[in-house]
mmCIF file of all heavy atoms, coordinates in Angstrom:
data_MODEL
# 
_entry.id   MODEL 
# 
loop_
_atom_site.group_PDB 
_atom_site.id 
_atom_site.type_symbol 
_atom_site.label_atom_id 
_atom_site.label_alt_id 
_atom_site.label_comp_id 
_atom_site.label_asym_id 
_atom_site.label_entity_id 
_atom_site.label_seq_id 
_atom_site.pdbx_PDB_ins_code 
_atom_site.Cartn_x 
_atom_site.Cartn_y 
_atom_site.Cartn_z 
_atom_site.occupancy 
_atom_site.B_iso_or_equiv 
_atom_site.pdbx_formal_charge 
_atom_site.auth_seq_id 
_atom_site.auth_comp_id 
_atom_site.auth_asym_id 
_atom_site.auth_atom_id 
_atom_site.pdbx_PDB_model_num 
ATOM 1   N N   . ASP A 1 1  ? -15.101 -11.732 -2.226 1.00 0.00 ? 1  ASP A N   1 
ATOM 2   C CA  . ASP A 1 1  ? -14.097 -10.887 -2.846 1.00 0.00 ? 1  ASP A CA  1 
ATOM 3   C C   . ASP A 1 1  ? -14.727 -9.699  -3.538 1.00 0.00 ? 1  ASP A C   1 
ATOM 4   O O   . ASP A 1 1  ? -13.933 -8.789  -4.058 1.00 0.00 ? 1  ASP A O   1 
ATOM 5   C CB  . ASP A 1 1  ? -13.309 -11.733 -3.842 1.00 0.00 ? 1  ASP A CB  1 
ATOM 6   C CG  . ASP A 1 1  ? -12.468 -12.828 -3.277 1.00 0.00 ? 1  ASP A CG  1 
ATOM 7   O OD1 . ASP A 1 1  ? -11.886 -12.644 -2.146 1.00 0.00 ? 1  ASP A OD1 1 
ATOM 8   O OD2 . ASP A 1 1  ? -12.464 -13.963 -3.937 1.00 0.00 ? 1  ASP A OD2 1 
ATOM 9   N N   . THR A 1 2  ? -15.968 -9.585  -3.709 1.00 0.00 ? 2  THR A N   1 
ATOM 10  C CA  . THR A 1 2  ? -16.588 -8.474  -4.297 1.00 0.00 ? 2  THR A CA  1 
ATOM 11  C C   . THR A 1 2  ? -16.269 -7.171  -3.676 1.00 0.00 ? 2  THR A C   1 
ATOM 12  O O   . THR A 1 2  ? -16.466 -7.016  -2.414 1.00 0.00 ? 2  THR A O   1 
ATOM 13  C CB  . THR A 1 2  ? -18.124 -8.705  -4.353 1.00 0.00 ? 2  THR A CB  1 
ATOM 14  O OG1 . THR A 1 2  ? -18.461 -9.838  -5.130 1.00 0.00 ? 2  THR A OG1 1 
ATOM 15  C CG2 . THR A 1 2  ? -18.832 -7.431  -4.876 1.00 0.00 ? 2  THR A CG2 1 
ATOM 16  N N   . ALA A 1 3  ? -15.729 -6.210  -4.397 1.00 0.00 ? 3  ALA A N   1 
ATOM 17  C CA  . ALA A 1 3  ? -15.235 -4.982  -3.823 1.00 0.00 ? 3  ALA A CA  1 
ATOM 18  C C   . ALA A 1 3  ? -14.707 -4.083  -4.892 1.00 0.00 ? 3  ALA A C   1 
ATOM 19  O O   . ALA A 1 3  ? -14.543 -4.517  -6.002 1.00 0.00 ? 3  ALA A O   1 
ATOM 20  C CB  . ALA A 1 3  ? -14.290 -5.176  -2.770 1.00 0.00 ? 3  ALA A CB  1 
ATOM 21  N N   . LEU A 1 4  ? -14.570 -2.817  -4.553 1.00 0.00 ? 4  LEU A N   1 
ATOM 22  C CA  . LEU A 1 4  ? -13.784 -1.920  -5.391 1.00 0.00 ? 4  LEU A CA  1 
ATOM 23  C C   . LEU A 1 4  ? -12.334 -2.156  -4.977 1.00 0.00 ? 4  LEU A C   1 
ATOM 24  O O   . LEU A 1 4  ? -11.971 -2.145  -3.822 1.00 0.00 ? 4  LEU A O   1 
ATOM 25  C CB  . LEU A 1 4  ? -14.080 -0.460  -5.027 1.00 0.00 ? 4  LEU A CB  1 
ATOM 26  C CG  . LEU A 1 4  ? -15.113 0.292   -5.906 1.00 0.00 ? 4  LEU A CG  1 
ATOM 27  C CD1 . LEU A 1 4  ? -15.342 1.684   -5.322 1.00 0.00 ? 4  LEU A CD1 1 
ATOM 28  C CD2 . LEU A 1 4  ? -14.564 0.347   -7.355 1.00 0.00 ? 4  LEU A CD2 1 
ATOM 29  N N   . TYR A 1 5  ? -11.480 -2.418  -6.013 1.00 0.00 ? 5  TYR A N   1 
ATOM 30  C CA  . TYR A 1 5  ? -10.080 -2.753  -5.771 1.00 0.00 ? 5  TYR A CA  1 
ATOM 31  C C   . TYR A 1 5  ? -9.311  -1.505  -6.113 1.00 0.00 ? 5  TYR A C   1 
ATOM 32  O O   . TYR A 1 5  ? -9.327  -0.968  -7.215 1.00 0.00 ? 5  TYR A O   1 
ATOM 33  C CB  . TYR A 1 5  ? -9.719  -3.962  -6.554 1.00 0.00 ? 5  TYR A CB  1 
ATOM 34  C CG  . TYR A 1 5  ? -10.134 -5.203  -5.984 1.00 0.00 ? 5  TYR A CG  1 
ATOM 35  C CD1 . TYR A 1 5  ? -11.447 -5.596  -5.949 1.00 0.00 ? 5  TYR A CD1 1 
ATOM 36  C CD2 . TYR A 1 5  ? -9.151  -6.033  -5.373 1.00 0.00 ? 5  TYR A CD2 1 
ATOM 37  C CE1 . TYR A 1 5  ? -11.863 -6.772  -5.418 1.00 0.00 ? 5  TYR A CE1 1 
ATOM 38  C CE2 . TYR A 1 5  ? -9.609  -7.209  -4.833 1.00 0.00 ? 5  TYR A CE2 1 
ATOM 39  C CZ  . TYR A 1 5  ? -10.922 -7.603  -4.817 1.00 0.00 ? 5  TYR A CZ  1 
ATOM 40  O OH  . TYR A 1 5  ? -11.249 -8.840  -4.259 1.00 0.00 ? 5  TYR A OH  1 
ATOM 41  N N   . TYR A 1 6  ? -8.365  -1.053  -5.220 1.00 0.00 ? 6  TYR A N   1 
ATOM 42  C CA  . TYR A 1 6  ? -7.653  0.076   -5.388 1.00 0.00 ? 6  TYR A CA  1 
ATOM 43  C C   . TYR A 1 6  ? -6.163  -0.300  -5.389 1.00 0.00 ? 6  TYR A C   1 
ATOM 44  O O   . TYR A 1 6  ? -5.643  -1.017  -4.617 1.00 0.00 ? 6  TYR A O   1 
ATOM 45  C CB  . TYR A 1 6  ? -7.785  1.046   -4.254 1.00 0.00 ? 6  TYR A CB  1 
ATOM 46  C CG  . TYR A 1 6  ? -9.198  1.644   -4.096 1.00 0.00 ? 6  TYR A CG  1 
ATOM 47  C CD1 . TYR A 1 6  ? -10.108 1.040   -3.351 1.00 0.00 ? 6  TYR A CD1 1 
ATOM 48  C CD2 . TYR A 1 6  ? -9.506  2.809   -4.811 1.00 0.00 ? 6  TYR A CD2 1 
ATOM 49  C CE1 . TYR A 1 6  ? -11.451 1.525   -3.237 1.00 0.00 ? 6  TYR A CE1 1 
ATOM 50  C CE2 . TYR A 1 6  ? -10.767 3.378   -4.614 1.00 0.00 ? 6  TYR A CE2 1 
ATOM 51  C CZ  . TYR A 1 6  ? -11.707 2.769   -3.906 1.00 0.00 ? 6  TYR A CZ  1 
ATOM 52  O OH  . TYR A 1 6  ? -12.940 3.238   -3.803 1.00 0.00 ? 6  TYR A OH  1 
ATOM 53  N N   . CYS A 1 7  ? -5.416  0.355   -6.352 1.00 0.00 ? 7  CYS A N   1 
ATOM 54  C CA  . CYS A 1 7  ? -3.966  0.250   -6.423 1.00 0.00 ? 7  CYS A CA  1 
ATOM 55  C C   . CYS A 1 7  ? -3.423  1.404   -5.613 1.00 0.00 ? 7  CYS A C   1 
ATOM 56  O O   . CYS A 1 7  ? -3.906  2.526   -5.688 1.00 0.00 ? 7  CYS A O   1 
ATOM 57  C CB  . CYS A 1 7  ? -3.598  0.378   -7.902 1.00 0.00 ? 7  CYS A CB  1 
ATOM 58  S SG  . CYS A 1 7  ? -1.745  0.256   -8.203 1.00 0.00 ? 7  CYS A SG  1 
ATOM 59  N N   . ALA A 1 8  ? -2.254  1.194   -4.894 1.00 0.00 ? 8  ALA A N   1 
ATOM 60  C CA  . ALA A 1 8  ? -1.651  2.226   -4.127 1.00 0.00 ? 8  ALA A CA  1 
ATOM 61  C C   . ALA A 1 8  ? -0.164  2.148   -4.250 1.00 0.00 ? 8  ALA A C   1 
ATOM 62  O O   . ALA A 1 8  ? 0.471   1.036   -4.350 1.00 0.00 ? 8  ALA A O   1 
ATOM 63  C CB  . ALA A 1 8  ? -2.106  2.075   -2.668 1.00 0.00 ? 8  ALA A CB  1 
ATOM 64  N N   . ALA A 1 9  ? 0.482   3.286   -4.164 1.00 0.00 ? 9  ALA A N   1 
ATOM 65  C CA  . ALA A 1 9  ? 1.933   3.410   -4.117 1.00 0.00 ? 9  ALA A CA  1 
ATOM 66  C C   . ALA A 1 9  ? 2.382   3.808   -2.724 1.00 0.00 ? 9  ALA A C   1 
ATOM 67  O O   . ALA A 1 9  ? 1.845   4.757   -2.110 1.00 0.00 ? 9  ALA A O   1 
ATOM 68  C CB  . ALA A 1 9  ? 2.373   4.388   -5.151 1.00 0.00 ? 9  ALA A CB  1 
ATOM 69  N N   . GLY A 1 10 ? 3.436   3.191   -2.229 1.00 0.00 ? 10 GLY A N   1 
ATOM 70  C CA  . GLY A 1 10 ? 3.983   3.476   -0.969 1.00 0.00 ? 10 GLY A CA  1 
ATOM 71  C C   . GLY A 1 10 ? 4.609   4.890   -0.868 1.00 0.00 ? 10 GLY A C   1 
ATOM 72  O O   . GLY A 1 10 ? 4.938   5.469   -1.889 1.00 0.00 ? 10 GLY A O   1 
ATOM 73  N N   . SER A 1 11 ? 4.778   5.322   0.373  1.00 0.00 ? 11 SER A N   1 
ATOM 74  C CA  . SER A 1 11 ? 5.238   6.647   0.615  1.00 0.00 ? 11 SER A CA  1 
ATOM 75  C C   . SER A 1 11 ? 6.759   6.750   0.796  1.00 0.00 ? 11 SER A C   1 
ATOM 76  O O   . SER A 1 11 ? 7.309   7.850   0.779  1.00 0.00 ? 11 SER A O   1 
ATOM 77  C CB  . SER A 1 11 ? 4.529   7.342   1.863  1.00 0.00 ? 11 SER A CB  1 
ATOM 78  O OG  . SER A 1 11 ? 4.730   6.480   3.018  1.00 0.00 ? 11 SER A OG  1 
ATOM 79  N N   . GLN A 1 12 ? 7.348   5.681   1.117  1.00 0.00 ? 12 GLN A N   1 
ATOM 80  C CA  . GLN A 1 12 ? 8.809   5.702   1.420  1.00 0.00 ? 12 GLN A CA  1 
ATOM 81  C C   . GLN A 1 12 ? 9.563   4.960   0.283  1.00 0.00 ? 12 GLN A C   1 
ATOM 82  O O   . GLN A 1 12 ? 9.333   3.850   -0.035 1.00 0.00 ? 12 GLN A O   1 
ATOM 83  C CB  . GLN A 1 12 ? 9.055   4.991   2.804  1.00 0.00 ? 12 GLN A CB  1 
ATOM 84  C CG  . GLN A 1 12 ? 10.553  4.941   3.109  1.00 0.00 ? 12 GLN A CG  1 
ATOM 85  C CD  . GLN A 1 12 ? 10.850  4.350   4.426  1.00 0.00 ? 12 GLN A CD  1 
ATOM 86  O OE1 . GLN A 1 12 ? 9.925   4.205   5.267  1.00 0.00 ? 12 GLN A OE1 1 
ATOM 87  N NE2 . GLN A 1 12 ? 12.072  3.918   4.602  1.00 0.00 ? 12 GLN A NE2 1 
ATOM 88  N N   . ALA A 1 13 ? 10.569  5.662   -0.273 1.00 0.00 ? 13 ALA A N   1 
ATOM 89  C CA  . ALA A 1 13 ? 11.316  5.120   -1.394 1.00 0.00 ? 13 ALA A CA  1 
ATOM 90  C C   . ALA A 1 13 ? 12.286  4.035   -0.804 1.00 0.00 ? 13 ALA A C   1 
ATOM 91  O O   . ALA A 1 13 ? 12.780  4.080   0.391  1.00 0.00 ? 13 ALA A O   1 
ATOM 92  C CB  . ALA A 1 13 ? 12.235  6.175   -2.025 1.00 0.00 ? 13 ALA A CB  1 
ATOM 93  N N   . TYR A 1 14 ? 12.423  2.997   -1.513 1.00 0.00 ? 14 TYR A N   1 
ATOM 94  C CA  . TYR A 1 14 ? 13.273  1.830   -1.248 1.00 0.00 ? 14 TYR A CA  1 
ATOM 95  C C   . TYR A 1 14 ? 12.973  1.221   0.199  1.00 0.00 ? 14 TYR A C   1 
ATOM 96  O O   . TYR A 1 14 ? 13.834  0.772   0.902  1.00 0.00 ? 14 TYR A O   1 
ATOM 97  C CB  . TYR A 1 14 ? 14.798  2.256   -1.209 1.00 0.00 ? 14 TYR A CB  1 
ATOM 98  C CG  . TYR A 1 14 ? 15.193  2.673   -2.570 1.00 0.00 ? 14 TYR A CG  1 
ATOM 99  C CD1 . TYR A 1 14 ? 15.503  4.051   -2.842 1.00 0.00 ? 14 TYR A CD1 1 
ATOM 100 C CD2 . TYR A 1 14 ? 15.310  1.862   -3.656 1.00 0.00 ? 14 TYR A CD2 1 
ATOM 101 C CE1 . TYR A 1 14 ? 15.845  4.537   -4.039 1.00 0.00 ? 14 TYR A CE1 1 
ATOM 102 C CE2 . TYR A 1 14 ? 15.735  2.276   -4.936 1.00 0.00 ? 14 TYR A CE2 1 
ATOM 103 C CZ  . TYR A 1 14 ? 16.001  3.654   -5.136 1.00 0.00 ? 14 TYR A CZ  1 
ATOM 104 O OH  . TYR A 1 14 ? 16.382  4.048   -6.292 1.00 0.00 ? 14 TYR A OH  1 
ATOM 105 N N   . SER A 1 15 ? 11.743  1.279   0.523  1.00 0.00 ? 15 SER A N   1 
ATOM 106 C CA  . SER A 1 15 ? 11.225  0.662   1.748  1.00 0.00 ? 15 SER A CA  1 
ATOM 107 C C   . SER A 1 15 ? 11.654  -0.873  1.789  1.00 0.00 ? 15 SER A C   1 
ATOM 108 O O   . SER A 1 15 ? 11.534  -1.516  0.846  1.00 0.00 ? 15 SER A O   1 
ATOM 109 C CB  . SER A 1 15 ? 9.837   0.759   2.011  1.00 0.00 ? 15 SER A CB  1 
ATOM 110 O OG  . SER A 1 15 ? 9.287   0.181   3.208  1.00 0.00 ? 15 SER A OG  1 
ATOM 111 N N   . LYS A 1 16 ? 12.164  -1.272  2.989  1.00 0.00 ? 16 LYS A N   1 
ATOM 112 C CA  . LYS A 1 16 ? 12.630  -2.679  3.071  1.00 0.00 ? 16 LYS A CA  1 
ATOM 113 C C   . LYS A 1 16 ? 11.563  -3.670  3.029  1.00 0.00 ? 16 LYS A C   1 
ATOM 114 O O   . LYS A 1 16 ? 11.710  -4.893  2.668  1.00 0.00 ? 16 LYS A O   1 
ATOM 115 C CB  . LYS A 1 16 ? 13.506  -2.825  4.330  1.00 0.00 ? 16 LYS A CB  1 
ATOM 116 C CG  . LYS A 1 16 ? 14.814  -2.116  4.314  1.00 0.00 ? 16 LYS A CG  1 
ATOM 117 C CD  . LYS A 1 16 ? 15.581  -2.257  5.613  1.00 0.00 ? 16 LYS A CD  1 
ATOM 118 C CE  . LYS A 1 16 ? 16.895  -1.521  5.566  1.00 0.00 ? 16 LYS A CE  1 
ATOM 119 N NZ  . LYS A 1 16 ? 17.656  -1.806  6.824  1.00 0.00 ? 16 LYS A NZ  1 
ATOM 120 N N   . TYR A 1 17 ? 10.409  -3.251  3.536  1.00 0.00 ? 17 TYR A N   1 
ATOM 121 C CA  . TYR A 1 17 ? 9.293   -4.224  3.776  1.00 0.00 ? 17 TYR A CA  1 
ATOM 122 C C   . TYR A 1 17 ? 7.967   -3.501  3.472  1.00 0.00 ? 17 TYR A C   1 
ATOM 123 O O   . TYR A 1 17 ? 7.747   -2.403  3.929  1.00 0.00 ? 17 TYR A O   1 
ATOM 124 C CB  . TYR A 1 17 ? 9.278   -4.724  5.186  1.00 0.00 ? 17 TYR A CB  1 
ATOM 125 C CG  . TYR A 1 17 ? 8.539   -6.031  5.325  1.00 0.00 ? 17 TYR A CG  1 
ATOM 126 C CD1 . TYR A 1 17 ? 9.083   -7.191  5.011  1.00 0.00 ? 17 TYR A CD1 1 
ATOM 127 C CD2 . TYR A 1 17 ? 7.221   -6.023  5.955  1.00 0.00 ? 17 TYR A CD2 1 
ATOM 128 C CE1 . TYR A 1 17 ? 8.328   -8.429  5.147  1.00 0.00 ? 17 TYR A CE1 1 
ATOM 129 C CE2 . TYR A 1 17 ? 6.560   -7.206  6.086  1.00 0.00 ? 17 TYR A CE2 1 
ATOM 130 C CZ  . TYR A 1 17 ? 7.083   -8.408  5.806  1.00 0.00 ? 17 TYR A CZ  1 
ATOM 131 O OH  . TYR A 1 17 ? 6.417   -9.597  5.969  1.00 0.00 ? 17 TYR A OH  1 
ATOM 132 N N   . PRO A 1 18 ? 7.051   -4.186  2.700  1.00 0.00 ? 18 PRO A N   1 
ATOM 133 C CA  . PRO A 1 18 ? 5.825   -3.525  2.313  1.00 0.00 ? 18 PRO A CA  1 
ATOM 134 C C   . PRO A 1 18 ? 4.895   -3.318  3.508  1.00 0.00 ? 18 PRO A C   1 
ATOM 135 O O   . PRO A 1 18 ? 4.816   -4.133  4.467  1.00 0.00 ? 18 PRO A O   1 
ATOM 136 C CB  . PRO A 1 18 ? 5.123   -4.562  1.350  1.00 0.00 ? 18 PRO A CB  1 
ATOM 137 C CG  . PRO A 1 18 ? 6.347   -5.358  0.874  1.00 0.00 ? 18 PRO A CG  1 
ATOM 138 C CD  . PRO A 1 18 ? 7.225   -5.484  2.056  1.00 0.00 ? 18 PRO A CD  1 
ATOM 139 N N   . ALA A 1 19 ? 4.119   -2.234  3.526  1.00 0.00 ? 19 ALA A N   1 
ATOM 140 C CA  . ALA A 1 19 ? 3.168   -1.876  4.570  1.00 0.00 ? 19 ALA A CA  1 
ATOM 141 C C   . ALA A 1 19 ? 1.883   -2.596  4.291  1.00 0.00 ? 19 ALA A C   1 
ATOM 142 O O   . ALA A 1 19 ? 1.473   -2.755  3.177  1.00 0.00 ? 19 ALA A O   1 
ATOM 143 C CB  . ALA A 1 19 ? 3.006   -0.441  4.655  1.00 0.00 ? 19 ALA A CB  1 
ATOM 144 N N   . ARG A 1 20 ? 1.200   -2.896  5.458  1.00 0.00 ? 20 ARG A N   1 
ATOM 145 C CA  . ARG A 1 20 ? -0.161  -3.509  5.376  1.00 0.00 ? 20 ARG A CA  1 
ATOM 146 C C   . ARG A 1 20 ? -1.260  -2.488  5.644  1.00 0.00 ? 20 ARG A C   1 
ATOM 147 O O   . ARG A 1 20 ? -2.498  -2.730  5.534  1.00 0.00 ? 20 ARG A O   1 
ATOM 148 C CB  . ARG A 1 20 ? -0.281  -4.588  6.393  1.00 0.00 ? 20 ARG A CB  1 
ATOM 149 C CG  . ARG A 1 20 ? 0.455   -5.855  6.043  1.00 0.00 ? 20 ARG A CG  1 
ATOM 150 C CD  . ARG A 1 20 ? 0.297   -6.892  7.271  1.00 0.00 ? 20 ARG A CD  1 
ATOM 151 N NE  . ARG A 1 20 ? 0.893   -8.227  6.918  1.00 0.00 ? 20 ARG A NE  1 
ATOM 152 C CZ  . ARG A 1 20 ? 0.269   -9.225  6.328  1.00 0.00 ? 20 ARG A CZ  1 
ATOM 153 N NH1 . ARG A 1 20 ? -1.009  -9.075  5.989  1.00 0.00 ? 20 ARG A NH1 1 
ATOM 154 N NH2 . ARG A 1 20 ? 0.935   -10.299 6.094  1.00 0.00 ? 20 ARG A NH2 1 
ATOM 155 N N   . THR A 1 21 ? -0.858  -1.292  6.111  1.00 0.00 ? 21 THR A N   1 
ATOM 156 C CA  . THR A 1 21 ? -1.818  -0.266  6.532  1.00 0.00 ? 21 THR A CA  1 
ATOM 157 C C   . THR A 1 21 ? -1.962  0.855   5.552  1.00 0.00 ? 21 THR A C   1 
ATOM 158 O O   . THR A 1 21 ? -1.040  1.152   4.793  1.00 0.00 ? 21 THR A O   1 
ATOM 159 C CB  . THR A 1 21 ? -1.399  0.278   7.980  1.00 0.00 ? 21 THR A CB  1 
ATOM 160 O OG1 . THR A 1 21 ? -0.090  0.828   7.849  1.00 0.00 ? 21 THR A OG1 1 
ATOM 161 C CG2 . THR A 1 21 ? -1.411  -0.824  8.997  1.00 0.00 ? 21 THR A CG2 1 
ATOM 162 N N   . LEU A 1 22 ? -3.116  1.549   5.654  1.00 0.00 ? 22 LEU A N   1 
ATOM 163 C CA  . LEU A 1 22 ? -3.336  2.634   4.733  1.00 0.00 ? 22 LEU A CA  1 
ATOM 164 C C   . LEU A 1 22 ? -2.318  3.738   4.793  1.00 0.00 ? 22 LEU A C   1 
ATOM 165 O O   . LEU A 1 22 ? -2.065  4.301   3.721  1.00 0.00 ? 22 LEU A O   1 
ATOM 166 C CB  . LEU A 1 22 ? -4.789  3.211   5.022  1.00 0.00 ? 22 LEU A CB  1 
ATOM 167 C CG  . LEU A 1 22 ? -5.972  2.280   4.701  1.00 0.00 ? 22 LEU A CG  1 
ATOM 168 C CD1 . LEU A 1 22 ? -7.266  2.974   5.253  1.00 0.00 ? 22 LEU A CD1 1 
ATOM 169 C CD2 . LEU A 1 22 ? -6.029  2.081   3.229  1.00 0.00 ? 22 LEU A CD2 1 
ATOM 170 N N   . ASP A 1 23 ? -1.869  4.068   5.989  1.00 0.00 ? 23 ASP A N   1 
ATOM 171 C CA  . ASP A 1 23 ? -0.879  5.151   6.122  1.00 0.00 ? 23 ASP A CA  1 
ATOM 172 C C   . ASP A 1 23 ? 0.444   4.825   5.562  1.00 0.00 ? 23 ASP A C   1 
ATOM 173 O O   . ASP A 1 23 ? 1.312   5.790   5.560  1.00 0.00 ? 23 ASP A O   1 
ATOM 174 C CB  . ASP A 1 23 ? -0.832  5.628   7.554  1.00 0.00 ? 23 ASP A CB  1 
ATOM 175 C CG  . ASP A 1 23 ? -0.371  4.509   8.529  1.00 0.00 ? 23 ASP A CG  1 
ATOM 176 O OD1 . ASP A 1 23 ? -0.072  3.386   8.059  1.00 0.00 ? 23 ASP A OD1 1 
ATOM 177 O OD2 . ASP A 1 23 ? -0.292  4.723   9.742  1.00 0.00 ? 23 ASP A OD2 1 
ATOM 178 N N   . GLY A 1 24 ? 0.678   3.701   5.024  1.00 0.00 ? 24 GLY A N   1 
ATOM 179 C CA  . GLY A 1 24 ? 1.879   3.345   4.414  1.00 0.00 ? 24 GLY A CA  1 
ATOM 180 C C   . GLY A 1 24 ? 1.976   3.749   2.907  1.00 0.00 ? 24 GLY A C   1 
ATOM 181 O O   . GLY A 1 24 ? 2.969   3.543   2.271  1.00 0.00 ? 24 GLY A O   1 
ATOM 182 N N   . TYR A 1 25 ? 0.873   4.257   2.455  1.00 0.00 ? 25 TYR A N   1 
ATOM 183 C CA  . TYR A 1 25 ? 0.678   4.567   1.106  1.00 0.00 ? 25 TYR A CA  1 
ATOM 184 C C   . TYR A 1 25 ? 0.163   5.959   0.928  1.00 0.00 ? 25 TYR A C   1 
ATOM 185 O O   . TYR A 1 25 ? -0.661  6.485   1.677  1.00 0.00 ? 25 TYR A O   1 
ATOM 186 C CB  . TYR A 1 25 ? -0.309  3.630   0.341  1.00 0.00 ? 25 TYR A CB  1 
ATOM 187 C CG  . TYR A 1 25 ? 0.153   2.185   0.470  1.00 0.00 ? 25 TYR A CG  1 
ATOM 188 C CD1 . TYR A 1 25 ? -0.101  1.411   1.614  1.00 0.00 ? 25 TYR A CD1 1 
ATOM 189 C CD2 . TYR A 1 25 ? 0.937   1.587   -0.531 1.00 0.00 ? 25 TYR A CD2 1 
ATOM 190 C CE1 . TYR A 1 25 ? 0.376   0.121   1.731  1.00 0.00 ? 25 TYR A CE1 1 
ATOM 191 C CE2 . TYR A 1 25 ? 1.347   0.304   -0.353 1.00 0.00 ? 25 TYR A CE2 1 
ATOM 192 C CZ  . TYR A 1 25 ? 1.081   -0.444  0.710  1.00 0.00 ? 25 TYR A CZ  1 
ATOM 193 O OH  . TYR A 1 25 ? 1.580   -1.779  0.862  1.00 0.00 ? 25 TYR A OH  1 
# 
C-alpha cells in the first residue's frame, strides 16, 4: 500500500456512477 495518495474530483456534475480511470477526474 506504500504510495503517494492523491485525492481527485470528477469532471462531470451529478455523475450517476464514479469513474475508475484518470480521465474521469
